[in-house]
């Protein structure tokens, strides 16, 4: 699923959630992962882990900061 209600940007070595905190939490409760479009990056896949949200990219887990 791709959602335009959630805005994420790349900030150096991490991603930041700028808008759509509640929508992201809702989507993660039902599926545990979501695909998003990030300007300049294309589609990313956000997954929920025990320690928070991460972007899976090139076999790496990059943190998604939500605060």
PDB file of N, CA and C in Angstrom:
ATOM      1  N   UNK A   1       0.833  -1.176   0.000  1.00  0.00           N
ATOM      2  CA  UNK A   1       0.000   0.000   0.000  1.00  0.00           C
ATOM      3  C   UNK A   1       0.879   1.241   0.000  1.00  0.00           C
ATOM      4  N   UNK A   2       0.550   2.215  -0.802  1.00  0.00           N
ATOM      5  CA  UNK A   2       1.259   3.481  -0.837  1.00  0.00           C
ATOM      6  C   UNK A   2       0.319   4.558  -0.332  1.00  0.00           C
ATOM      7  N   UNK A   3       0.787   5.347   0.622  1.00  0.00           N
ATOM      8  CA  UNK A   3      -0.058   6.367   1.219  1.00  0.00           C
ATOM      9  C   UNK A   3       0.543   7.744   0.988  1.00  0.00           C
ATOM     10  N   UNK A   4      -0.276   8.680   0.512  1.00  0.00           N
ATOM     11  CA  UNK A   4       0.176  10.060   0.344  1.00  0.00           C
ATOM     12  C   UNK A   4      -0.182  10.898   1.573  1.00  0.00           C
ATOM     13  N   UNK A   5      -0.823  10.284   2.561  1.00  0.00           N
ATOM     14  CA  UNK A   5      -1.190  10.976   3.796  1.00  0.00           C
ATOM     15  C   UNK A   5      -0.033  11.034   4.783  1.00  0.00           C
ATOM     16  N   UNK A   6       1.086  10.414   4.430  1.00  0.00           N
ATOM     17  CA  UNK A   6       2.251  10.350   5.299  1.00  0.00           C
ATOM     18  C   UNK A   6       3.423  10.991   4.556  1.00  0.00           C
ATOM     19  N   UNK A   7       4.107  11.933   5.223  1.00  0.00           N
ATOM     20  CA  UNK A   7       5.222  12.635   4.584  1.00  0.00           C
ATOM     21  C   UNK A   7       6.515  12.294   5.324  1.00  0.00           C
ATOM     22  N   UNK A   8       7.459  11.716   4.577  1.00  0.00           N
ATOM     23  CA  UNK A   8       8.762  11.337   5.111  1.00  0.00           C
ATOM     24  C   UNK A   8       9.831  11.982   4.242  1.00  0.00           C
ATOM     25  N   UNK A   9      10.910  12.466   4.872  1.00  0.00           N
ATOM     26  CA  UNK A   9      12.038  13.040   4.137  1.00  0.00           C
ATOM     27  C   UNK A   9      13.326  12.387   4.609  1.00  0.00           C
ATOM     28  N   UNK A  10      14.321  12.416   3.737  1.00  0.00           N
ATOM     29  CA  UNK A  10      15.653  11.915   4.099  1.00  0.00           C
ATOM     30  C   UNK A  10      16.408  13.049   4.760  1.00  0.00           C
ATOM     31  N   UNK A  11      17.060  12.769   5.883  1.00  0.00           N
ATOM     32  CA  UNK A  11      17.833  13.754   6.625  1.00  0.00           C
ATOM     33  C   UNK A  11      19.180  13.124   6.985  1.00  0.00           C
ATOM     34  N   UNK A  12      20.121  13.213   6.073  1.00  0.00           N
ATOM     35  CA  UNK A  12      21.432  12.593   6.299  1.00  0.00           C
ATOM     36  C   UNK A  12      21.336  11.087   6.304  1.00  0.00           C
ATOM     37  N   UNK A  13      21.676  10.482   7.428  1.00  0.00           N
ATOM     38  CA  UNK A  13      21.681   9.022   7.548  1.00  0.00           C
ATOM     39  C   UNK A  13      20.386   8.443   8.092  1.00  0.00           C
ATOM     40  N   UNK A  14      19.376   9.285   8.272  1.00  0.00           N
ATOM     41  CA  UNK A  14      18.092   8.821   8.795  1.00  0.00           C
ATOM     42  C   UNK A  14      16.958   9.386   7.952  1.00  0.00           C
ATOM     43  N   UNK A  15      15.775   8.875   8.198  1.00  0.00           N
ATOM     44  CA  UNK A  15      14.554   9.434   7.613  1.00  0.00           C
ATOM     45  C   UNK A  15      13.759  10.069   8.740  1.00  0.00           C
ATOM     46  N   UNK A  16      13.009  11.117   8.410  1.00  0.00           N
ATOM     47  CA  UNK A  16      12.173  11.791   9.411  1.00  0.00           C
ATOM     48  C   UNK A  16      10.724  11.816   8.950  1.00  0.00           C
ATOM     49  N   UNK A  17       9.837  11.500   9.857  1.00  0.00           N
ATOM     50  CA  UNK A  17       8.408  11.574   9.606  1.00  0.00           C
ATOM     51  C   UNK A  17       7.952  13.000   9.910  1.00  0.00           C
ATOM     52  N   UNK A  18       7.478  13.717   8.888  1.00  0.00           N
ATOM     53  CA  UNK A  18       7.062  15.101   9.072  1.00  0.00           C
ATOM     54  C   UNK A  18       5.568  15.242   9.290  1.00  0.00           C
ATOM     55  N   UNK A  19       4.789  14.367   8.699  1.00  0.00           N
ATOM     56  CA  UNK A  19       3.341  14.479   8.752  1.00  0.00           C
ATOM     57  C   UNK A  19       2.730  13.098   8.646  1.00  0.00           C
ATOM     58  N   UNK A  20       1.651  12.852   9.387  1.00  0.00           N
ATOM     59  CA  UNK A  20       0.929  11.592   9.278  1.00  0.00           C
ATOM     60  C   UNK A  20       1.268  10.581  10.348  1.00  0.00           C
ATOM     61  N   UNK A  21       1.631  11.057  11.518  1.00  0.00           N
ATOM     62  CA  UNK A  21       1.999  10.163  12.615  1.00  0.00           C
ATOM     63  C   UNK A  21       0.902   9.146  12.931  1.00  0.00           C
ATOM     64  N   UNK A  22      -0.325   9.623  13.064  1.00  0.00           N
ATOM     65  CA  UNK A  22      -1.431   8.724  13.402  1.00  0.00           C
ATOM     66  C   UNK A  22      -1.744   7.756  12.270  1.00  0.00           C
ATOM     67  N   UNK A  23      -1.658   8.230  11.044  1.00  0.00           N
ATOM     68  CA  UNK A  23      -1.910   7.351   9.893  1.00  0.00           C
ATOM     69  C   UNK A  23      -0.857   6.247   9.820  1.00  0.00           C
ATOM     70  N   UNK A  24       0.406   6.604  10.047  1.00  0.00           N
ATOM     71  CA  UNK A  24       1.474   5.603  10.037  1.00  0.00           C
ATOM     72  C   UNK A  24       1.239   4.561  11.132  1.00  0.00           C
ATOM     73  N   UNK A  25       0.929   5.012  12.319  1.00  0.00           N
ATOM     74  CA  UNK A  25       0.679   4.078  13.425  1.00  0.00           C
ATOM     75  C   UNK A  25      -0.480   3.146  13.097  1.00  0.00           C
ATOM     76  N   UNK A  26      -1.534   3.684  12.508  1.00  0.00           N
ATOM     77  CA  UNK A  26      -2.689   2.879  12.135  1.00  0.00           C
ATOM     78  C   UNK A  26      -2.330   1.822  11.096  1.00  0.00           C
ATOM     79  N   UNK A  27      -1.597   2.224  10.077  1.00  0.00           N
ATOM     80  CA  UNK A  27      -1.184   1.283   9.027  1.00  0.00           C
ATOM     81  C   UNK A  27      -0.267   0.197   9.582  1.00  0.00           C
ATOM     82  N   UNK A  28       0.610   0.572  10.488  1.00  0.00           N
ATOM     83  CA  UNK A  28       1.551  -0.392  11.054  1.00  0.00           C
ATOM     84  C   UNK A  28       0.850  -1.401  11.959  1.00  0.00           C
ATOM     85  N   UNK A  29      -0.233  -0.997  12.602  1.00  0.00           N
ATOM     86  CA  UNK A  29      -0.982  -1.930  13.445  1.00  0.00           C
ATOM     87  C   UNK A  29      -1.616  -3.036  12.617  1.00  0.00           C
ATOM     88  N   UNK A  30      -2.037  -2.720  11.408  1.00  0.00           N
ATOM     89  CA  UNK A  30      -2.721  -3.723  10.592  1.00  0.00           C
ATOM     90  C   UNK A  30      -1.768  -4.588   9.781  1.00  0.00           C
ATOM     91  N   UNK A  31      -0.678  -4.006   9.261  1.00  0.00           N
ATOM     92  CA  UNK A  31       0.166  -4.801   8.373  1.00  0.00           C
ATOM     93  C   UNK A  31       1.619  -4.929   8.810  1.00  0.00           C
ATOM     94  N   UNK A  32       2.128  -3.999   9.607  1.00  0.00           N
ATOM     95  CA  UNK A  32       3.523  -4.066  10.030  1.00  0.00           C
ATOM     96  C   UNK A  32       4.507  -3.475   9.047  1.00  0.00           C
ATOM     97  N   UNK A  33       4.020  -3.083   7.867  1.00  0.00           N
ATOM     98  CA  UNK A  33       4.881  -2.413   6.897  1.00  0.00           C
ATOM     99  C   UNK A  33       4.037  -1.587   5.935  1.00  0.00           C
ATOM    100  N   UNK A  34       4.683  -0.589   5.329  1.00  0.00           N
ATOM    101  CA  UNK A  34       3.992   0.291   4.404  1.00  0.00           C
ATOM    102  C   UNK A  34       5.004   0.813   3.391  1.00  0.00           C
ATOM    103  N   UNK A  35       4.563   1.039   2.176  1.00  0.00           N
ATOM    104  CA  UNK A  35       5.393   1.648   1.139  1.00  0.00           C
ATOM    105  C   UNK A  35       5.010   3.108   1.014  1.00  0.00           C
ATOM    106  N   UNK A  36       6.032   3.964   0.904  1.00  0.00           N
ATOM    107  CA  UNK A  36       5.821   5.404   0.803  1.00  0.00           C
ATOM    108  C   UNK A  36       6.680   5.974  -0.308  1.00  0.00           C
ATOM    109  N   UNK A  37       6.251   7.096  -0.859  1.00  0.00           N
ATOM    110  CA  UNK A  37       7.064   7.841  -1.809  1.00  0.00           C
ATOM    111  C   UNK A  37       7.802   8.932  -1.064  1.00  0.00           C
ATOM    112  N   UNK A  38       9.108   9.028  -1.285  1.00  0.00           N
ATOM    113  CA  UNK A  38       9.931  10.074  -0.705  1.00  0.00           C
ATOM    114  C   UNK A  38      10.523  10.871  -1.852  1.00  0.00           C
ATOM    115  N   UNK A  39      10.299  12.174  -1.835  1.00  0.00           N
ATOM    116  CA  UNK A  39      10.787  13.032  -2.901  1.00  0.00           C
ATOM    117  C   UNK A  39      12.305  12.896  -3.036  1.00  0.00           C
ATOM    118  N   UNK A  40      12.754  12.659  -4.250  1.00  0.00           N
ATOM    119  CA  UNK A  40      14.176  12.503  -4.521  1.00  0.00           C
ATOM    120  C   UNK A  40      14.709  11.108  -4.277  1.00  0.00           C
ATOM    121  N   UNK A  41      13.912  10.237  -3.668  1.00  0.00           N
ATOM    122  CA  UNK A  41      14.337   8.871  -3.350  1.00  0.00           C
ATOM    123  C   UNK A  41      13.501   7.829  -4.080  1.00  0.00           C
ATOM    124  N   UNK A  42      12.249   8.141  -4.300  1.00  0.00           N
ATOM    125  CA  UNK A  42      11.334   7.158  -4.865  1.00  0.00           C
ATOM    126  C   UNK A  42      10.613   6.413  -3.760  1.00  0.00           C
ATOM    127  N   UNK A  43      10.234   5.176  -4.034  1.00  0.00           N
ATOM    128  CA  UNK A  43       9.491   4.382  -3.057  1.00  0.00           C
ATOM    129  C   UNK A  43      10.427   3.778  -2.027  1.00  0.00           C
ATOM    130  N   UNK A  44       9.977   3.833  -0.777  1.00  0.00           N
ATOM    131  CA  UNK A  44      10.684   3.185   0.315  1.00  0.00           C
ATOM    132  C   UNK A  44       9.709   2.267   1.028  1.00  0.00           C
ATOM    133  N   UNK A  45      10.248   1.320   1.778  1.00  0.00           N
ATOM    134  CA  UNK A  45       9.414   0.413   2.544  1.00  0.00           C
ATOM    135  C   UNK A  45       9.731   0.602   4.022  1.00  0.00           C
ATOM    136  N   UNK A  46       8.727   1.009   4.781  1.00  0.00           N
ATOM    137  CA  UNK A  46       8.875   1.226   6.216  1.00  0.00           C
ATOM    138  C   UNK A  46       8.331  -0.003   6.935  1.00  0.00           C
ATOM    139  N   UNK A  47       9.111  -0.512   7.884  1.00  0.00           N
ATOM    140  CA  UNK A  47       8.702  -1.684   8.655  1.00  0.00           C
ATOM    141  C   UNK A  47       8.724  -1.354  10.142  1.00  0.00           C
ATOM    142  N   UNK A  48       7.884  -2.041  10.863  1.00  0.00           N
ATOM    143  CA  UNK A  48       7.816  -1.870  12.322  1.00  0.00           C
ATOM    144  C   UNK A  48       8.640  -2.970  12.975  1.00  0.00           C
ATOM    145  N   UNK A  49       9.520  -2.560  13.867  1.00  0.00           N
ATOM    146  CA  UNK A  49      10.331  -3.501  14.638  1.00  0.00           C
ATOM    147  C   UNK A  49      10.064  -3.267  16.118  1.00  0.00           C
ATOM    148  N   UNK A  50      10.591  -4.115  16.924  1.00  0.00           N
ATOM    149  CA  UNK A  50      10.399  -3.998  18.363  1.00  0.00           C
ATOM    150  C   UNK A  50      10.941  -2.670  18.903  1.00  0.00           C
ATOM    151  N   UNK A  51      11.989  -2.143  18.270  1.00  0.00           N
ATOM    152  CA  UNK A  51      12.632  -0.920  18.753  1.00  0.00           C
ATOM    153  C   UNK A  51      12.206   0.336  18.020  1.00  0.00           C
ATOM    154  N   UNK A  52      11.267   0.241  17.092  1.00  0.00           N
ATOM    155  CA  UNK A  52      10.789   1.417  16.373  1.00  0.00           C
ATOM    156  C   UNK A  52      10.531   1.133  14.910  1.00  0.00           C
ATOM    157  N   UNK A  53      10.479   2.200  14.129  1.00  0.00           N
ATOM    158  CA  UNK A  53      10.245   2.084  12.690  1.00  0.00           C
ATOM    159  C   UNK A  53      11.563   2.212  11.946  1.00  0.00           C
ATOM    160  N   UNK A  54      11.683   1.437  10.858  1.00  0.00           N
ATOM    161  CA  UNK A  54      12.890   1.457  10.053  1.00  0.00           C
ATOM    162  C   UNK A  54      12.523   1.444   8.574  1.00  0.00           C
ATOM    163  N   UNK A  55      13.425   1.981   7.765  1.00  0.00           N
ATOM    164  CA  UNK A  55      13.298   1.903   6.319  1.00  0.00           C
ATOM    165  C   UNK A  55      14.240   0.799   5.865  1.00  0.00           C
ATOM    166  N   UNK A  56      13.705  -0.179   5.177  1.00  0.00           N
ATOM    167  CA  UNK A  56      14.538  -1.236   4.604  1.00  0.00           C
ATOM    168  C   UNK A  56      15.024  -0.772   3.246  1.00  0.00           C
ATOM    169  N   UNK A  57      16.339  -0.627   3.111  1.00  0.00           N
ATOM    170  CA  UNK A  57      16.907  -0.141   1.865  1.00  0.00           C
ATOM    171  C   UNK A  57      18.266  -0.790   1.659  1.00  0.00           C
ATOM    172  N   UNK A  58      18.432  -1.435   0.518  1.00  0.00           N
ATOM    173  CA  UNK A  58      19.718  -2.069   0.164  1.00  0.00           C
ATOM    174  C   UNK A  58      20.247  -2.960   1.286  1.00  0.00           C
ATOM    175  N   UNK A  59      19.397  -3.815   1.807  1.00  0.00           N
ATOM    176  CA  UNK A  59      19.771  -4.772   2.854  1.00  0.00           C
ATOM    177  C   UNK A  59      20.176  -4.091   4.163  1.00  0.00           C
ATOM    178  N   UNK A  60      19.791  -2.818   4.348  1.00  0.00           N
ATOM    179  CA  UNK A  60      20.100  -2.088   5.580  1.00  0.00           C
ATOM    180  C   UNK A  60      18.808  -1.631   6.231  1.00  0.00           C
ATOM    181  N   UNK A  61      18.870  -1.423   7.532  1.00  0.00           N
ATOM    182  CA  UNK A  61      17.746  -0.849   8.279  1.00  0.00           C
ATOM    183  C   UNK A  61      18.135   0.558   8.686  1.00  0.00           C
ATOM    184  N   UNK A  62      17.478   1.536   8.081  1.00  0.00           N
ATOM    185  CA  UNK A  62      17.750   2.945   8.370  1.00  0.00           C
ATOM    186  C   UNK A  62      16.635   3.453   9.275  1.00  0.00           C
ATOM    187  N   UNK A  63      16.971   4.080  10.390  1.00  0.00           N
ATOM    188  CA  UNK A  63      15.944   4.542  11.338  1.00  0.00           C
ATOM    189  C   UNK A  63      14.982   5.562  10.721  1.00  0.00           C
ATOM    190  N   UNK A  64      13.726   5.465  11.116  1.00  0.00           N
ATOM    191  CA  UNK A  64      12.713   6.478  10.775  1.00  0.00           C
ATOM    192  C   UNK A  64      12.396   7.189  12.092  1.00  0.00           C
ATOM    193  N   UNK A  65      12.791   8.443  12.181  1.00  0.00           N
ATOM    194  CA  UNK A  65      12.559   9.224  13.393  1.00  0.00           C
ATOM    195  C   UNK A  65      11.178   9.836  13.337  1.00  0.00           C
ATOM    196  N   UNK A  66      10.392   9.638  14.367  1.00  0.00           N
ATOM    197  CA  UNK A  66       9.009  10.103  14.364  1.00  0.00           C
ATOM    198  C   UNK A  66       8.787  11.263  15.319  1.00  0.00           C
ATOM    199  N   UNK A  67       9.777  11.713  16.034  1.00  0.00           N
ATOM    200  CA  UNK A  67       9.634  12.836  16.976  1.00  0.00           C
ATOM    201  C   UNK A  67      10.380  14.035  16.479  1.00  0.00           C
TER     202      UNK A  67
END
